Amino acid sequence: MTQTSQTPRTQLRIGPHTVQPPVVLAPMAGITNAPFRTLCREFADGVGWGDGSRPPGDGGSGGRGLFVSEMITTRALVERDAKTMRLIHFDGTEKPRSIQLYGVDPVTVGKAVRMIVDEDLADHIDLNFGCPVPKVTRKGGGSALPYKRHLLRSILREAVTAAGPLPVTMKMRKGIDDDHITYLDAGRIAVEEGVTAIALHGRTAAQHYGGTADWDAIARLKEAVPEIPVLGNGDIWSAADAVRMMRRTGCDGVVVGRGCLGRPWLFGDLAAAFEPGPEPPAPARPTLKEVAAVMRRHAELLAEWLEDEERGVIDFRKHVAWYTKGFSVGSEMRKRLAVTSSLAELDALLAELDLDQEWPPGADGPRGRTSGRNRVVLPDGWLDDPYDRAGVCADAELDTSGG
């Protein structure tokens, strides 16, 4: 595909909702809970560094962009699993409220969507057909499911019908592997069933997060389904990458996942990059002192959300390596930071760092998982016929949320 000089659109429509800039936070298990969404929204609103007119946490207009919940399994939602009910909590500043659902049984998906509508739990529903992890694909879900064309159609039809006025979108991958590419067929089915927008991760399930995302596939999907917005996902590590993807592919927006791990301020860069002007502003380059302040706030938000300081700080541990990537911190200090269990302990360790360090070159670029899997775990006989429903039943539903 040829790259154009066309200025990317700065406004995206998802049903009745305007998303400006056209940027979506990708659902990530154990990551995109309410505290992390709050951080990302604050930076998108220009108050993440605490230097705006509103105090951190105020939330303003809800954040410039769309910030999606962790993956919620339809079975767990219908059964009102306690963890799931916590994960679908939105504060009053999150507008629109966006939930991503996972399911493999059309009836259960329909029940979950009707529950969301009847109880006013969200303003937008996204369906997960992109997750490549084995515990999902072995059930026939996530990135395995679009191979079964009739099953995909049934799920989309149930969801769209049950959603009524709420927009339903979907996120998918190119296919299971290079021999089982499904995204163009899935895109046409989505349009025919009334899906409002499609996000495509330019990798197969077999690639997992390895190799390079195929942006040309995003361009081909946009050409194939001009009726609805197409969002591109994969290898967006900076605001410049997002602009380049939109120019190259003609997609209507971008979905950002691993690029914001330990960098919630990326959403500030993205908001600025889509402002009109001759050149996008330089990206944020925080000092370690500024990064440490964000780390402390992230841990505090988790403690408040979980209503337990120890649990919040423990949950924060997974973020330490992402926040400190590239800085001269030292392996021993990283280990100590990764076993903290109180805010006071975290404060003491952060105070020991050389906080005057400037942003290091090694902190840019890829982060998070980067390996491929090659083999996709599937139900027995899954690939025998792309149109039957072998191996899929209500029991195939996962019973826990969050991925």
Protein backbone atom coordinates (compact mmCIF):
# COMPACT_ATOMS: atom_id res chain seq x y z
CA MET A 1 0.00 0.00 0.00
CA THR A 2 1.27 3.48 -0.74
CA GLN A 3 1.64 6.09 1.93
CA THR A 4 -0.32 9.31 1.46
CA SER A 5 0.29 12.82 2.71
CA GLN A 6 -3.32 13.22 3.75
CA THR A 7 -3.72 14.64 7.24
CA PRO A 8 -5.31 11.93 9.41
CA ARG A 9 -8.82 12.54 10.66
CA THR A 10 -8.95 13.91 14.18
CA GLN A 11 -12.47 12.73 14.99
CA LEU A 12 -13.93 9.24 15.13
CA ARG A 13 -17.60 8.30 15.43
CA ILE A 14 -18.59 5.17 17.37
CA GLY A 15 -22.36 5.18 17.08
CA PRO A 16 -23.53 8.37 18.84
CA HIS A 17 -20.14 8.92 20.49
CA THR A 18 -17.48 11.27 19.18
CA VAL A 19 -13.96 10.05 19.92
CA GLN A 20 -11.46 12.84 19.60
CA PRO A 21 -8.59 12.28 19.13
CA PRO A 22 -9.32 8.98 17.31
CA VAL A 23 -7.42 6.94 19.89
CA VAL A 24 -8.60 3.90 21.86
CA LEU A 25 -6.94 2.26 24.87
CA ALA A 26 -6.79 -1.47 24.15
CA PRO A 27 -8.21 -3.78 26.82
CA MET A 28 -5.35 -5.56 28.61
CA ALA A 29 -5.91 -8.17 31.30
CA GLY A 30 -4.78 -6.99 34.72
CA ILE A 31 -3.77 -3.60 33.29
CA THR A 32 -6.66 -1.49 32.02
CA ASN A 33 -8.62 -1.42 35.24
CA ALA A 34 -10.20 1.79 36.53
CA PRO A 35 -6.98 3.19 38.12
CA PHE A 36 -4.93 2.82 34.94
CA ARG A 37 -7.74 4.25 32.83
CA THR A 38 -7.83 7.23 35.19
CA LEU A 39 -4.11 7.87 34.65
CA CYS A 40 -4.42 7.61 30.87
CA ARG A 41 -7.46 9.90 30.80
CA GLU A 42 -5.72 12.51 32.95
CA PHE A 43 -2.74 12.65 30.61
CA ALA A 44 -5.05 12.83 27.59
CA ASP A 45 -6.79 15.76 29.30
CA GLY A 46 -3.48 17.49 29.99
CA VAL A 47 -3.51 17.21 33.79
CA GLY A 48 -1.52 14.02 34.31
CA TRP A 49 1.60 15.81 35.53
CA GLY A 50 -0.43 17.70 38.11
CA ASP A 51 0.22 21.07 36.47
CA GLY A 52 -3.26 21.65 35.00
CA SER A 53 -6.18 23.67 36.29
CA ARG A 54 -7.85 20.56 37.74
CA PRO A 55 -6.42 18.32 40.45
CA PRO A 56 -5.42 14.80 39.40
CA GLY A 57 -8.41 12.51 39.72
CA ASP A 58 -10.97 15.14 38.76
CA GLY A 59 -11.20 13.48 35.34
CA GLY A 60 -12.58 16.48 33.51
CA SER A 61 -14.63 15.57 30.47
CA GLY A 62 -13.81 11.88 30.77
CA GLY A 63 -10.62 11.91 28.77
CA ARG A 64 -9.88 12.68 25.15
CA GLY A 65 -10.17 9.30 23.47
CA LEU A 66 -11.91 6.02 24.30
CA PHE A 67 -10.72 3.97 27.27
CA VAL A 68 -11.96 0.38 27.33
CA SER A 69 -12.31 -1.91 30.35
CA GLU A 70 -10.46 -5.15 30.85
CA MET A 71 -11.96 -8.12 29.01
CA ILE A 72 -15.20 -9.19 30.70
CA THR A 73 -16.41 -12.73 30.14
CA THR A 74 -20.12 -12.98 29.38
CA ARG A 75 -20.69 -15.98 31.60
CA ALA A 76 -19.08 -14.28 34.60
CA LEU A 77 -21.11 -11.14 34.00
CA VAL A 78 -24.41 -13.00 33.72
CA GLU A 79 -23.58 -14.93 36.91
CA ARG A 80 -22.58 -11.67 38.65
CA ASP A 81 -19.14 -12.88 39.64
CA ALA A 82 -17.81 -10.53 42.36
CA LYS A 83 -14.50 -9.81 40.60
CA THR A 84 -16.30 -9.12 37.35
CA MET A 85 -18.74 -6.70 38.96
CA ARG A 86 -15.74 -4.74 40.30
CA LEU A 87 -14.09 -4.69 36.89
CA ILE A 88 -17.15 -3.14 35.22
CA HIS A 89 -17.26 -0.23 37.67
CA PHE A 90 -16.86 3.19 36.05
CA ASP A 91 -16.64 6.46 37.93
CA GLY A 92 -18.77 9.43 36.97
CA THR A 93 -16.06 10.99 34.82
CA GLU A 94 -15.70 8.07 32.35
CA LYS A 95 -17.70 9.02 29.29
CA PRO A 96 -18.45 7.01 27.28
CA ARG A 97 -18.26 3.93 29.51
CA SER A 98 -16.78 1.17 27.39
CA ILE A 99 -16.89 -2.57 28.14
CA GLN A 100 -15.16 -5.32 26.20
CA LEU A 101 -16.96 -8.68 26.27
CA TYR A 102 -15.63 -12.16 25.55
CA GLY A 103 -17.93 -15.04 24.76
CA VAL A 104 -18.32 -18.07 22.50
CA ASP A 105 -21.98 -18.89 23.06
CA PRO A 106 -24.46 -16.62 21.26
CA VAL A 107 -27.16 -17.08 23.90
CA THR A 108 -24.84 -16.15 26.77
CA VAL A 109 -23.46 -13.18 24.84
CA GLY A 110 -27.01 -11.97 24.21
CA LYS A 111 -27.89 -12.28 27.91
CA ALA A 112 -24.80 -10.32 28.91
CA VAL A 113 -25.51 -7.53 26.45
CA ARG A 114 -29.15 -7.29 27.57
CA MET A 115 -27.95 -7.06 31.18
CA ILE A 116 -25.65 -4.18 30.27
CA VAL A 117 -28.49 -2.36 28.52
CA ASP A 118 -31.18 -3.05 31.13
CA GLU A 119 -28.97 -2.04 34.07
CA ASP A 120 -27.25 0.88 32.28
CA LEU A 121 -23.78 -0.56 32.88
CA ALA A 122 -22.06 0.93 29.83
CA ASP A 123 -22.44 3.18 26.78
CA HIS A 124 -20.43 1.06 24.31
CA ILE A 125 -19.78 -2.66 23.91
CA ASP A 126 -16.71 -4.11 22.21
CA LEU A 127 -16.50 -7.83 21.39
CA ASN A 128 -13.20 -9.65 21.76
CA PHE A 129 -12.19 -11.78 18.79
CA GLY A 130 -8.50 -10.99 19.06
CA CYS A 131 -7.10 -12.56 22.22
CA PRO A 132 -4.40 -15.15 21.33
CA VAL A 133 -3.72 -16.69 24.77
CA PRO A 134 -4.12 -20.48 24.98
CA LYS A 135 -6.76 -20.53 27.74
CA VAL A 136 -8.99 -18.49 25.41
CA THR A 137 -8.26 -20.10 22.03
CA ARG A 138 -8.52 -23.66 23.39
CA LYS A 139 -12.16 -22.83 24.14
CA GLY A 140 -12.66 -21.61 20.57
CA GLY A 141 -12.74 -17.99 21.69
CA GLY A 142 -10.76 -14.85 20.97
CA SER A 143 -8.70 -14.97 17.80
CA ALA A 144 -9.80 -18.56 17.09
CA LEU A 145 -13.50 -17.76 16.77
CA PRO A 146 -13.75 -15.82 13.46
CA TYR A 147 -12.66 -19.00 11.65
CA LYS A 148 -16.17 -20.33 12.37
CA ARG A 149 -18.10 -17.94 10.11
CA HIS A 150 -21.63 -19.00 11.11
CA LEU A 151 -20.80 -18.88 14.81
CA LEU A 152 -19.29 -15.42 14.43
CA ARG A 153 -22.41 -14.23 12.62
CA SER A 154 -24.68 -15.66 15.32
CA ILE A 155 -22.76 -13.96 18.13
CA LEU A 156 -22.71 -10.61 16.34
CA ARG A 157 -26.41 -10.84 15.54
CA GLU A 158 -27.34 -11.63 19.15
CA ALA A 159 -25.13 -8.83 20.48
CA VAL A 160 -26.33 -6.15 18.07
CA THR A 161 -29.97 -7.10 18.56
CA ALA A 162 -29.69 -7.10 22.34
CA ALA A 163 -27.72 -3.85 22.40
CA GLY A 164 -30.49 -1.76 20.89
CA PRO A 165 -29.19 1.83 20.77
CA LEU A 166 -25.77 0.97 22.21
CA PRO A 167 -23.02 0.71 19.58
CA VAL A 168 -21.33 -2.67 19.24
CA THR A 169 -17.79 -2.89 17.89
CA MET A 170 -15.35 -5.78 17.53
CA LYS A 171 -11.61 -6.34 17.78
CA MET A 172 -9.94 -9.14 15.84
CA ARG A 173 -6.68 -10.40 14.38
CA LYS A 174 -5.81 -11.32 10.79
CA GLY A 175 -6.58 -14.97 11.47
CA ILE A 176 -5.32 -18.05 13.24
CA ASP A 177 -2.14 -18.36 11.17
CA ASP A 178 -0.96 -17.61 7.64
CA ASP A 179 -2.92 -20.62 6.32
CA HIS A 180 -6.16 -19.56 8.02
CA ILE A 181 -6.67 -15.85 7.37
CA THR A 182 -10.16 -14.66 8.31
CA TYR A 183 -10.20 -10.89 8.73
CA LEU A 184 -11.78 -9.93 5.38
CA ASP A 185 -14.61 -12.46 5.72
CA ALA A 186 -15.12 -11.42 9.34
CA GLY A 187 -15.21 -7.76 8.32
CA ARG A 188 -17.99 -8.31 5.80
CA ILE A 189 -20.00 -10.38 8.29
CA ALA A 190 -19.62 -7.59 10.85
CA VAL A 191 -20.95 -4.98 8.43
CA GLU A 192 -23.89 -7.19 7.46
CA GLU A 193 -24.81 -7.74 11.13
CA GLY A 194 -24.74 -4.08 12.11
CA VAL A 195 -21.42 -3.75 13.91
CA THR A 196 -20.48 -0.08 14.28
CA ALA A 197 -16.68 -0.29 13.90
CA ILE A 198 -13.88 -2.86 13.63
CA ALA A 199 -10.39 -2.84 15.14
CA LEU A 200 -7.77 -5.03 13.47
CA HIS A 201 -4.53 -6.14 15.10
CA GLY A 202 -2.19 -6.74 12.18
CA ARG A 203 -0.94 -10.11 13.43
CA THR A 204 -2.24 -13.67 13.43
CA ALA A 205 -2.89 -15.60 16.61
CA ALA A 206 0.19 -17.71 15.84
CA GLN A 207 2.37 -14.59 15.86
CA HIS A 208 1.08 -13.70 19.30
CA TYR A 209 3.08 -10.47 19.85
CA GLY A 210 6.15 -11.41 17.83
CA GLY A 211 7.39 -10.10 14.51
CA THR A 212 6.04 -6.96 12.89
CA ALA A 213 2.39 -5.96 12.63
CA ASP A 214 1.04 -6.04 9.08
CA TRP A 215 -0.28 -2.52 8.55
CA ASP A 216 -1.10 -3.35 4.91
CA ALA A 217 -3.79 -5.73 6.17
CA ILE A 218 -5.39 -2.79 7.98
CA ALA A 219 -5.44 -0.87 4.70
CA ARG A 220 -7.02 -3.84 2.90
CA LEU A 221 -9.72 -4.14 5.53
CA LYS A 222 -10.50 -0.43 5.24
CA GLU A 223 -10.93 -0.86 1.49
CA ALA A 224 -13.14 -3.93 2.02
CA VAL A 225 -15.52 -2.35 4.56
CA PRO A 226 -15.80 1.35 3.67
CA GLU A 227 -19.23 1.52 5.32
CA ILE A 228 -17.88 1.63 8.91
CA PRO A 229 -14.79 2.91 10.73
CA VAL A 230 -11.72 0.67 10.83
CA LEU A 231 -9.18 1.09 13.62
CA GLY A 232 -5.60 -0.11 13.37
CA ASN A 233 -3.70 -1.89 16.13
CA GLY A 234 -0.14 -3.16 16.39
CA ASP A 235 3.31 -1.61 16.86
CA ILE A 236 2.18 1.84 17.95
CA TRP A 237 4.96 2.84 20.32
CA SER A 238 4.67 6.61 19.90
CA ALA A 239 2.27 9.29 18.74
CA ALA A 240 4.30 9.52 15.53
CA ASP A 241 3.60 5.82 14.90
CA ALA A 242 -0.14 6.46 15.27
CA VAL A 243 -0.10 9.32 12.77
CA ARG A 244 2.00 7.26 10.36
CA MET A 245 -0.36 4.29 10.59
CA MET A 246 -3.38 6.44 9.77
CA ARG A 247 -1.65 8.10 6.85
CA ARG A 248 -0.38 4.81 5.45
CA THR A 249 -3.52 2.72 5.85
CA GLY A 250 -6.35 5.24 5.68
CA CYS A 251 -7.78 3.80 8.90
CA ASP A 252 -10.13 5.92 10.98
CA GLY A 253 -8.40 5.58 14.33
CA VAL A 254 -5.83 3.64 16.31
CA VAL A 255 -5.90 1.22 19.22
CA VAL A 256 -2.94 1.45 21.62
CA GLY A 257 -1.96 -1.46 23.84
CA ARG A 258 1.57 -2.37 24.91
CA GLY A 259 2.96 1.03 23.92
CA CYS A 260 1.42 2.65 27.01
CA LEU A 261 2.71 0.10 29.54
CA GLY A 262 4.55 2.17 32.13
CA ARG A 263 3.82 5.23 29.96
CA PRO A 264 0.26 6.48 30.54
CA TRP A 265 1.49 9.89 29.38
CA LEU A 266 1.55 8.48 25.83
CA PHE A 267 -2.11 9.52 25.66
CA GLY A 268 -1.05 13.12 26.20
CA ASP A 269 1.35 12.78 23.27
CA LEU A 270 -1.42 11.26 21.16
CA ALA A 271 -3.90 14.03 22.01
CA ALA A 272 -1.31 16.66 21.07
CA ALA A 273 -0.32 14.89 17.84
CA PHE A 274 -3.86 15.14 16.46
CA GLU A 275 -4.22 18.84 17.23
CA PRO A 276 -4.13 21.05 14.11
CA GLY A 277 -0.76 22.60 13.45
CA PRO A 278 2.25 22.48 11.16
CA GLU A 279 4.20 19.94 13.22
CA PRO A 280 3.29 17.66 16.11
CA PRO A 281 4.88 18.67 19.42
CA ALA A 282 7.80 16.76 20.84
CA PRO A 283 6.81 13.71 22.91
CA ALA A 284 6.94 13.79 26.70
CA ARG A 285 10.39 13.03 28.08
CA PRO A 286 9.89 12.90 31.86
CA THR A 287 12.70 12.72 34.36
CA LEU A 288 12.85 9.79 36.75
CA LYS A 289 11.48 12.11 39.45
CA GLU A 290 8.37 12.72 37.33
CA VAL A 291 8.06 9.02 36.50
CA ALA A 292 8.36 8.14 40.20
CA ALA A 293 5.50 10.52 41.01
CA VAL A 294 3.30 8.76 38.45
CA MET A 295 4.30 5.37 39.87
CA ARG A 296 3.31 6.50 43.37
CA ARG A 297 -0.02 7.83 42.14
CA HIS A 298 -0.73 4.62 40.21
CA ALA A 299 -0.11 2.51 43.31
CA GLU A 300 -2.29 4.81 45.42
CA LEU A 301 -5.15 4.64 42.93
CA LEU A 302 -4.98 0.85 42.95
CA ALA A 303 -5.06 0.81 46.76
CA GLU A 304 -8.13 3.05 46.79
CA TRP A 305 -9.88 1.01 44.09
CA LEU A 306 -9.23 -2.32 45.83
CA GLU A 307 -9.98 -0.77 49.24
CA ASP A 308 -6.83 -2.44 50.53
CA GLU A 309 -3.40 -0.77 50.51
CA GLU A 310 -1.41 -4.00 50.54
CA ARG A 311 -3.39 -5.55 47.70
CA GLY A 312 -3.10 -2.33 45.69
CA VAL A 313 0.66 -2.09 46.08
CA ILE A 314 1.07 -5.78 45.30
CA ASP A 315 -1.03 -5.35 42.15
CA PHE A 316 1.19 -2.42 41.18
CA ARG A 317 4.35 -4.54 41.26
CA LYS A 318 3.86 -5.78 37.69
CA HIS A 319 4.20 -2.19 36.43
CA VAL A 320 7.62 -1.47 38.01
CA ALA A 321 9.76 -2.85 35.18
CA TRP A 322 7.76 -0.93 32.57
CA TYR A 323 7.99 2.38 34.39
CA THR A 324 11.72 2.06 35.06
CA LYS A 325 12.72 0.69 31.65
CA GLY A 326 15.93 2.31 30.42
CA PHE A 327 16.69 4.20 33.63
CA SER A 328 19.77 3.42 35.72
CA VAL A 329 18.01 1.75 38.59
CA GLY A 330 19.95 -1.45 39.10
CA SER A 331 18.77 -5.03 39.28
CA GLU A 332 18.79 -5.16 43.08
CA MET A 333 16.65 -2.03 43.40
CA ARG A 334 14.25 -3.32 40.75
CA LYS A 335 13.83 -6.51 42.79
CA ARG A 336 13.17 -4.50 45.95
CA LEU A 337 10.61 -2.32 44.17
CA ALA A 338 8.90 -5.43 42.84
CA VAL A 339 8.28 -6.87 46.33
CA THR A 340 6.88 -3.79 48.07
CA SER A 341 3.65 -4.20 50.02
CA SER A 342 2.87 -0.71 51.36
CA LEU A 343 2.85 2.86 50.08
CA ALA A 344 5.35 3.87 52.76
CA GLU A 345 7.75 1.16 51.61
CA LEU A 346 7.31 2.26 48.01
CA ASP A 347 7.93 5.89 48.98
CA ALA A 348 11.14 4.98 50.78
CA LEU A 349 12.51 3.01 47.86
CA LEU A 350 11.60 5.66 45.29
CA ALA A 351 13.43 8.25 47.43
CA GLU A 352 16.61 6.19 47.14
CA LEU A 353 16.68 6.50 43.33
CA ASP A 354 18.74 9.01 41.40
CA LEU A 355 15.65 11.04 40.56
CA ASP A 356 17.52 13.65 38.51
CA GLN A 357 18.00 11.19 35.62
CA GLU A 358 16.76 12.44 32.25
CA TRP A 359 14.58 10.30 30.02
CA PRO A 360 16.85 7.57 28.57
CA PRO A 361 16.90 6.56 24.88
CA GLY A 362 16.43 2.94 25.99
CA ALA A 363 12.97 3.76 27.33
CA ASP A 364 11.51 4.29 23.86
CA GLY A 365 10.28 1.62 21.49
CA PRO A 366 8.71 -1.80 22.07
CA ARG A 367 7.71 -2.95 25.54
CA GLY A 368 5.67 -5.78 26.95
CA ARG A 369 5.46 -9.21 25.36
CA THR A 370 7.27 -9.52 22.04
CA SER A 371 7.49 -13.27 21.45
CA GLY A 372 5.54 -15.45 19.05
CA ARG A 373 3.98 -18.84 19.84
CA ASN A 374 3.79 -20.43 16.37
CA ARG A 375 1.29 -23.06 17.52
CA VAL A 376 -2.24 -21.98 18.42
CA VAL A 377 -4.08 -24.17 20.92
CA LEU A 378 -7.52 -24.96 19.47
CA PRO A 379 -10.44 -27.29 20.28
CA ASP A 380 -10.25 -30.71 18.66
CA GLY A 381 -11.38 -30.59 15.03
CA TRP A 382 -11.64 -26.80 15.03
CA LEU A 383 -10.07 -26.41 11.59
CA ASP A 384 -12.02 -29.23 9.91
CA ASP A 385 -14.85 -27.00 8.71
CA PRO A 386 -15.01 -23.20 8.89
CA TYR A 387 -18.82 -23.26 8.89
CA ASP A 388 -19.77 -25.83 11.53
CA ARG A 389 -19.83 -25.25 15.29
CA ALA A 390 -17.92 -28.32 16.42
CA GLY A 391 -16.60 -28.04 19.95
CA VAL A 392 -18.57 -24.94 20.88
CA CYS A 393 -21.22 -24.93 23.58
CA ALA A 394 -22.17 -22.90 26.62
CA ASP A 395 -19.63 -24.87 28.70
CA ALA A 396 -16.88 -23.39 26.56
CA GLU A 397 -17.46 -20.00 28.18
CA LEU A 398 -14.75 -18.79 30.55
CA ASP A 399 -16.06 -18.16 34.05
CA THR A 400 -13.61 -15.45 35.09
CA SER A 401 -12.94 -12.00 33.67
CA GLY A 402 -9.75 -10.04 33.06
CA GLY A 403 -8.28 -12.27 30.35
